[in-house]
């Protein structure tokens, strides 16, 4: 059972992100059915979003071709326990980080049991592990552990570690957002570094020319329609999808799912992350539809910062293909035209 001290520590110092409140209005439309290449689906995320992107990649590796992870730790690090998440999986001290061999054994057993995809699906996938040297919220060792787990599970994955840039616990951009020198809301920082550009280059190849501004359409949609079997998945009422003009016109495109960090959801910062992180103009250039699912904050279960479920607040199967949030994301991808299962 979580002690009051642990609960307070979670509220004040959980792995991500505090920001200002912002009202979110009703969704504009339903998710569109598009012409997508299901072999080119990728994911990315910051902090709790990195944990979630990693979970989606591992659990659905037979349908996800790559992942870009900023300041996140390895799959199943928390072992379904908030106390473990806060201690071992945020800023481990004295070498008390996760046991990579044990996590690898868990993933192997889960794949054999069929609760995640066969690990052979990771072979050849592209993986970017990114961490800022000035990040004092999530330890750099956790990103190194994530890379180590990929090497254990998928020695043939195309792994790129970028750990030498001097940014804080934020999503780096060229010029949008708050200061890059301190981790502050909305946790999109003007760092003189376009992380979205590196994410797309790593996952989709040599970068084409991108316009200065996105020219496609950012649409909102009703996430409640994707609750698995009507169960609460602790997602917000409204999610977003960015559709480049060419994709809307019938071009075959790819799907990228971008996971925000804690307290970086639309209920908290409005459309700042989905508009300012920089994905959309690169999506235009590459022909990629970007799905931006959104969480919501709750006190029961305890998740006041709207983090993605990477420690089990939504049930013991949270990081498998049967997890509520995992099933909701898979259902959204399927409607768009890129099923994950």
Protein backbone atom coordinates (compact mmCIF):
# COMPACT_ATOMS: atom_id res chain seq x y z
CA UNK A 1 0.00 0.00 0.00
CA UNK A 2 1.26 3.46 -0.84
CA UNK A 3 2.18 5.55 2.18
CA UNK A 4 1.11 9.22 2.52
CA UNK A 5 4.73 10.22 2.06
CA UNK A 6 4.93 8.29 -1.19
CA UNK A 7 1.67 9.80 -2.39
CA UNK A 8 2.93 13.30 -1.65
CA UNK A 9 6.20 12.57 -3.39
CA UNK A 10 4.27 11.40 -6.43
CA UNK A 11 2.12 14.51 -6.55
CA UNK A 12 5.11 16.82 -6.21
CA UNK A 13 7.91 14.97 -7.97
CA UNK A 14 6.59 12.34 -10.35
CA UNK A 15 8.50 11.85 -13.52
CA UNK A 16 7.00 14.59 -15.53
CA UNK A 17 5.50 17.52 -16.12
CA UNK A 18 3.69 20.41 -14.44
CA UNK A 19 1.88 23.03 -16.44
CA UNK A 20 -0.90 25.56 -16.50
CA UNK A 21 -4.57 24.54 -16.75
CA UNK A 22 -6.43 24.97 -20.01
CA UNK A 23 -10.02 24.07 -20.88
CA UNK A 24 -10.61 21.55 -23.65
CA UNK A 25 -13.78 21.76 -25.71
CA UNK A 26 -15.76 19.04 -27.41
CA UNK A 27 -14.15 17.10 -30.23
CA UNK A 28 -14.63 18.35 -33.77
CA UNK A 29 -15.03 15.12 -35.69
CA UNK A 30 -14.57 11.36 -35.81
CA UNK A 31 -11.23 9.84 -36.80
CA UNK A 32 -10.93 9.70 -40.59
CA UNK A 33 -10.35 6.49 -42.51
CA UNK A 34 -7.16 7.03 -44.51
CA UNK A 35 -4.94 5.11 -46.89
CA UNK A 36 -2.02 4.08 -44.69
CA UNK A 37 0.88 1.67 -45.10
CA UNK A 38 0.65 -0.52 -41.97
CA UNK A 39 4.28 -1.57 -42.33
CA UNK A 40 5.48 1.99 -41.61
CA UNK A 41 3.78 2.69 -38.28
CA UNK A 42 6.07 4.23 -35.65
CA UNK A 43 5.78 5.76 -32.18
CA UNK A 44 7.54 8.35 -30.02
CA UNK A 45 7.16 10.01 -26.65
CA UNK A 46 8.63 12.13 -23.88
CA UNK A 47 9.10 10.76 -20.35
CA UNK A 48 5.88 8.93 -19.39
CA UNK A 49 5.10 9.17 -23.10
CA UNK A 50 8.45 7.51 -23.82
CA UNK A 51 7.55 4.68 -21.46
CA UNK A 52 4.20 4.35 -23.24
CA UNK A 53 5.72 4.46 -26.72
CA UNK A 54 8.21 1.79 -25.66
CA UNK A 55 5.36 -0.38 -24.33
CA UNK A 56 3.41 -0.01 -27.58
CA UNK A 57 6.50 -0.87 -29.62
CA UNK A 58 7.28 -3.99 -27.60
CA UNK A 59 3.69 -5.19 -27.25
CA UNK A 60 2.80 -4.60 -30.91
CA UNK A 61 6.21 -5.09 -32.52
CA UNK A 62 4.67 -7.21 -35.26
CA UNK A 63 2.93 -4.02 -36.47
CA UNK A 64 5.15 -1.17 -35.22
CA UNK A 65 8.34 -0.52 -37.18
CA UNK A 66 10.21 1.80 -34.83
CA UNK A 67 10.26 4.03 -31.77
CA UNK A 68 11.85 7.30 -30.65
CA UNK A 69 12.08 7.68 -26.88
CA UNK A 70 13.02 10.88 -25.03
CA UNK A 71 13.90 10.52 -21.33
CA UNK A 72 12.20 7.19 -20.71
CA UNK A 73 13.18 3.90 -19.14
CA UNK A 74 12.96 0.25 -20.17
CA UNK A 75 9.88 -1.88 -20.70
CA UNK A 76 8.19 -3.19 -17.52
CA UNK A 77 10.62 -1.21 -15.34
CA UNK A 78 7.96 -0.44 -12.71
CA UNK A 79 6.77 -4.05 -12.44
CA UNK A 80 3.25 -2.81 -11.76
CA UNK A 81 4.24 -0.83 -8.65
CA UNK A 82 4.14 2.95 -8.19
CA UNK A 83 6.82 2.83 -5.49
CA UNK A 84 9.16 1.04 -7.89
CA UNK A 85 8.35 3.53 -10.64
CA UNK A 86 9.26 6.45 -8.40
CA UNK A 87 12.46 4.93 -7.07
CA UNK A 88 14.05 2.62 -9.60
CA UNK A 89 12.55 4.03 -12.80
CA UNK A 90 12.97 7.80 -12.41
CA UNK A 91 16.27 8.72 -10.85
CA UNK A 92 17.90 5.58 -9.43
CA UNK A 93 20.73 6.15 -6.98
CA UNK A 94 23.68 4.00 -5.98
CA UNK A 95 23.33 1.71 -8.95
CA UNK A 96 19.85 0.60 -7.92
CA UNK A 97 18.38 0.84 -11.38
CA UNK A 98 16.38 -1.84 -13.17
CA UNK A 99 17.75 -5.34 -13.69
CA UNK A 100 17.99 -5.54 -17.48
CA UNK A 101 18.41 -9.31 -17.55
CA UNK A 102 15.28 -9.74 -15.43
CA UNK A 103 13.32 -7.35 -17.65
CA UNK A 104 14.48 -9.25 -20.73
CA UNK A 105 13.34 -12.54 -19.19
CA UNK A 106 9.96 -11.00 -18.41
CA UNK A 107 9.55 -9.83 -22.01
CA UNK A 108 10.56 -13.25 -23.35
CA UNK A 109 8.03 -14.94 -21.05
CA UNK A 110 5.30 -12.45 -22.00
CA UNK A 111 5.94 -13.09 -25.69
CA UNK A 112 5.76 -16.85 -25.14
CA UNK A 113 2.48 -16.39 -23.27
CA UNK A 114 1.10 -14.29 -26.12
CA UNK A 115 0.41 -11.18 -24.03
CA UNK A 116 2.85 -9.22 -26.23
CA UNK A 117 3.88 -9.82 -29.82
CA UNK A 118 6.69 -12.25 -30.70
CA UNK A 119 9.99 -10.49 -30.10
CA UNK A 120 11.09 -11.37 -33.61
CA UNK A 121 8.98 -8.39 -34.65
CA UNK A 122 11.65 -6.07 -33.23
CA UNK A 123 14.32 -7.29 -35.64
CA UNK A 124 15.41 -4.53 -38.00
CA UNK A 125 13.25 -1.89 -36.32
CA UNK A 126 14.64 1.62 -35.97
CA UNK A 127 15.03 2.93 -32.43
CA UNK A 128 16.15 6.39 -31.29
CA UNK A 129 17.00 6.86 -27.61
CA UNK A 130 17.36 10.57 -26.77
CA UNK A 131 18.21 12.18 -23.42
CA UNK A 132 19.33 15.65 -22.40
CA UNK A 133 22.46 16.13 -20.31
CA UNK A 134 20.68 18.80 -18.23
CA UNK A 135 17.69 16.56 -17.41
CA UNK A 136 17.38 16.28 -13.62
CA UNK A 137 13.94 14.63 -13.60
CA UNK A 138 14.65 11.29 -15.25
CA UNK A 139 18.14 9.88 -14.88
CA UNK A 140 20.23 9.42 -18.00
CA UNK A 141 20.94 5.87 -16.84
CA UNK A 142 17.30 4.98 -17.58
CA UNK A 143 17.70 5.88 -21.24
CA UNK A 144 20.90 3.84 -21.34
CA UNK A 145 18.96 0.96 -19.76
CA UNK A 146 16.32 1.25 -22.47
CA UNK A 147 19.00 0.93 -25.13
CA UNK A 148 20.50 -2.02 -23.25
CA UNK A 149 17.14 -3.80 -23.18
CA UNK A 150 16.74 -3.34 -26.92
CA UNK A 151 20.18 -4.86 -27.42
CA UNK A 152 19.11 -7.85 -25.31
CA UNK A 153 15.77 -8.36 -27.03
CA UNK A 154 16.56 -7.21 -30.56
CA UNK A 155 20.26 -7.29 -31.43
CA UNK A 156 19.33 -6.67 -35.07
CA UNK A 157 17.41 -3.48 -34.34
CA UNK A 158 18.89 -0.28 -35.77
CA UNK A 159 19.63 1.53 -32.52
CA UNK A 160 20.76 5.16 -32.28
CA UNK A 161 21.63 6.66 -28.88
CA UNK A 162 21.77 10.48 -28.73
CA UNK A 163 22.67 11.35 -25.14
CA UNK A 164 25.04 14.31 -25.43
CA UNK A 165 22.76 17.28 -26.04
CA UNK A 166 22.43 19.92 -23.31
CA UNK A 167 18.65 20.15 -22.83
CA UNK A 168 16.50 19.69 -19.74
CA UNK A 169 13.41 17.55 -19.14
CA UNK A 170 11.53 18.99 -22.09
CA UNK A 171 10.67 18.32 -25.73
CA UNK A 172 13.37 20.21 -27.68
CA UNK A 173 12.44 22.51 -30.57
CA UNK A 174 14.31 25.09 -32.63
CA UNK A 175 12.45 28.09 -31.28
CA UNK A 176 9.03 27.21 -29.84
CA UNK A 177 8.05 26.91 -26.21
CA UNK A 178 9.66 27.91 -22.92
CA UNK A 179 13.32 28.21 -22.01
CA UNK A 180 15.46 25.16 -22.64
CA UNK A 181 17.55 25.87 -19.54
CA UNK A 182 14.90 24.91 -17.00
CA UNK A 183 12.21 22.23 -17.02
CA UNK A 184 9.08 24.36 -17.00
CA UNK A 185 5.59 24.27 -18.48
CA UNK A 186 4.62 23.47 -21.18
CA UNK A 187 7.73 21.30 -21.31
CA UNK A 188 8.29 22.21 -24.94
CA UNK A 189 11.59 24.07 -24.97
CA UNK A 190 13.32 26.37 -27.46
CA UNK A 191 16.63 24.52 -27.46
CA UNK A 192 17.97 25.33 -30.92
CA UNK A 193 17.47 21.65 -31.70
CA UNK A 194 14.57 20.20 -33.68
CA UNK A 195 13.85 16.88 -31.97
CA UNK A 196 10.91 16.17 -34.27
CA UNK A 197 13.25 16.44 -37.27
CA UNK A 198 15.64 13.89 -35.73
CA UNK A 199 12.75 11.58 -34.82
CA UNK A 200 11.43 11.53 -38.38
CA UNK A 201 14.92 11.22 -39.89
CA UNK A 202 15.76 8.24 -37.67
CA UNK A 203 12.45 6.48 -38.22
CA UNK A 204 11.78 7.31 -41.89
CA UNK A 205 15.15 8.04 -43.47
CA UNK A 206 16.99 10.99 -44.95
CA UNK A 207 15.00 14.14 -44.27
CA UNK A 208 13.29 15.92 -47.15
CA UNK A 209 12.81 19.65 -47.21
CA UNK A 210 10.16 20.80 -44.73
CA UNK A 211 8.16 24.00 -44.90
CA UNK A 212 8.41 26.48 -42.03
CA UNK A 213 4.73 25.96 -41.19
CA UNK A 214 2.45 22.95 -41.34
CA UNK A 215 -0.15 23.11 -44.10
CA UNK A 216 -2.33 20.11 -43.25
CA UNK A 217 -5.25 19.87 -40.83
CA UNK A 218 -5.15 19.25 -37.09
CA UNK A 219 -8.42 17.58 -36.16
CA UNK A 220 -9.84 16.64 -32.77
CA UNK A 221 -11.85 13.47 -32.17
CA UNK A 222 -13.88 11.75 -29.44
CA UNK A 223 -11.62 9.36 -27.52
CA UNK A 224 -14.47 7.99 -25.39
CA UNK A 225 -15.65 5.94 -28.37
CA UNK A 226 -12.44 3.89 -28.09
CA UNK A 227 -12.87 2.71 -24.50
CA UNK A 228 -12.24 -1.06 -24.61
CA UNK A 229 -15.51 -2.86 -23.81
CA UNK A 230 -16.73 0.38 -22.25
CA UNK A 231 -14.10 0.19 -19.48
CA UNK A 232 -12.38 3.35 -18.29
CA UNK A 233 -9.02 3.75 -20.00
CA UNK A 234 -8.28 7.04 -18.21
CA UNK A 235 -7.91 8.93 -21.47
CA UNK A 236 -9.23 12.42 -22.04
CA UNK A 237 -12.50 13.02 -23.83
CA UNK A 238 -10.68 14.54 -26.79
CA UNK A 239 -7.69 13.42 -28.86
CA UNK A 240 -6.00 14.88 -31.93
CA UNK A 241 -4.81 13.73 -35.32
CA UNK A 242 -2.77 15.71 -37.84
CA UNK A 243 -3.50 14.88 -41.48
CA UNK A 244 -1.24 16.29 -44.23
CA UNK A 245 -3.06 17.52 -47.33
CA UNK A 246 -1.62 14.74 -49.48
CA UNK A 247 -2.79 12.06 -47.04
CA UNK A 248 -6.29 13.56 -46.93
CA UNK A 249 -6.32 13.53 -50.74
CA UNK A 250 -5.70 9.77 -50.92
CA UNK A 251 -1.92 9.39 -50.95
CA UNK A 252 -0.65 6.30 -49.14
CA UNK A 253 0.92 7.60 -45.92
CA UNK A 254 2.47 6.25 -42.74
CA UNK A 255 1.17 6.56 -39.18
CA UNK A 256 3.14 8.00 -36.28
CA UNK A 257 1.76 8.01 -32.73
CA UNK A 258 3.19 10.81 -30.54
CA UNK A 259 2.73 10.44 -26.78
CA UNK A 260 2.88 13.58 -24.63
CA UNK A 261 4.47 13.62 -21.18
CA UNK A 262 2.68 13.95 -17.85
CA UNK A 263 0.86 17.26 -17.35
CA UNK A 264 1.46 17.90 -21.03
CA UNK A 265 -2.00 16.71 -22.07
CA UNK A 266 -4.64 18.92 -23.66
CA UNK A 267 -6.59 19.28 -20.41
CA UNK A 268 -3.53 21.01 -18.97
CA UNK A 269 -1.80 22.90 -21.78
CA UNK A 270 -4.38 22.93 -24.53
CA UNK A 271 -2.94 22.38 -28.01
CA UNK A 272 0.59 23.53 -27.17
CA UNK A 273 2.24 20.13 -27.51
CA UNK A 274 0.34 19.04 -30.60
CA UNK A 275 1.02 22.34 -32.38
CA UNK A 276 4.46 23.38 -31.11
CA UNK A 277 6.49 20.18 -30.71
CA UNK A 278 7.27 20.35 -34.42
CA UNK A 279 5.92 17.03 -35.70
CA UNK A 280 3.36 18.44 -38.12
CA UNK A 281 5.52 20.25 -40.67
CA UNK A 282 7.76 17.18 -40.90
CA UNK A 283 4.68 15.01 -41.26
CA UNK A 284 3.81 17.07 -44.33
CA UNK A 285 7.28 16.50 -45.78
CA UNK A 286 7.38 12.75 -45.12
CA UNK A 287 3.73 11.92 -45.79
CA UNK A 288 2.95 10.83 -42.22
CA UNK A 289 -0.30 11.11 -40.28
CA UNK A 290 0.36 11.95 -36.62
CA UNK A 291 -1.97 10.63 -33.93
CA UNK A 292 -1.86 12.54 -30.61
CA UNK A 293 -3.82 10.53 -28.02
CA UNK A 294 -4.50 12.35 -24.74
CA UNK A 295 -4.65 11.24 -21.11
CA UNK A 296 -6.60 12.78 -18.25
CA UNK A 297 -5.63 13.34 -14.62
CA UNK A 298 -7.32 11.34 -11.86
CA UNK A 299 -7.08 11.00 -8.09
CA UNK A 300 -8.57 7.51 -8.02
CA UNK A 301 -6.48 5.82 -9.28
CA UNK A 302 -3.75 8.24 -8.22
CA UNK A 303 -2.53 9.95 -11.38
CA UNK A 304 -2.89 13.70 -10.74
CA UNK A 305 -0.52 14.69 -13.54
CA UNK A 306 -2.21 12.80 -16.34
CA UNK A 307 0.70 10.41 -16.97
CA UNK A 308 0.46 7.47 -19.32
CA UNK A 309 0.00 4.14 -17.57
CA UNK A 310 3.50 2.73 -17.28
CA UNK A 311 3.24 1.46 -13.70
CA UNK A 312 -0.19 -0.21 -13.57
CA UNK A 313 -2.77 2.30 -12.36
CA UNK A 314 -5.16 0.94 -15.00
CA UNK A 315 -4.75 -2.74 -14.15
CA UNK A 316 -2.12 -5.44 -13.97
CA UNK A 317 -2.04 -6.00 -17.75
CA UNK A 318 -1.22 -2.33 -18.39
CA UNK A 319 1.85 -2.95 -20.58
CA UNK A 320 0.47 -5.86 -22.61
CA UNK A 321 -1.76 -5.96 -25.66
CA UNK A 322 -4.71 -6.32 -23.26
CA UNK A 323 -4.04 -3.11 -21.30
CA UNK A 324 -6.88 -0.59 -21.47
CA UNK A 325 -4.79 2.24 -22.90
CA UNK A 326 -2.94 -0.12 -25.22
CA UNK A 327 -6.24 -1.45 -26.62
CA UNK A 328 -7.60 2.07 -27.06
CA UNK A 329 -4.51 3.16 -29.02
CA UNK A 330 -4.72 0.03 -31.17
CA UNK A 331 -8.37 0.77 -31.91
CA UNK A 332 -7.58 4.35 -32.94
CA UNK A 333 -4.80 3.16 -35.25
CA UNK A 334 -7.13 0.57 -36.79
CA UNK A 335 -9.80 3.18 -37.60
CA UNK A 336 -7.16 5.38 -39.26
CA UNK A 337 -6.06 2.44 -41.40
CA UNK A 338 -3.02 0.96 -39.60
CA UNK A 339 -4.18 -1.84 -37.26
CA UNK A 340 -1.78 -2.92 -34.52
CA UNK A 341 -3.23 -6.39 -33.96
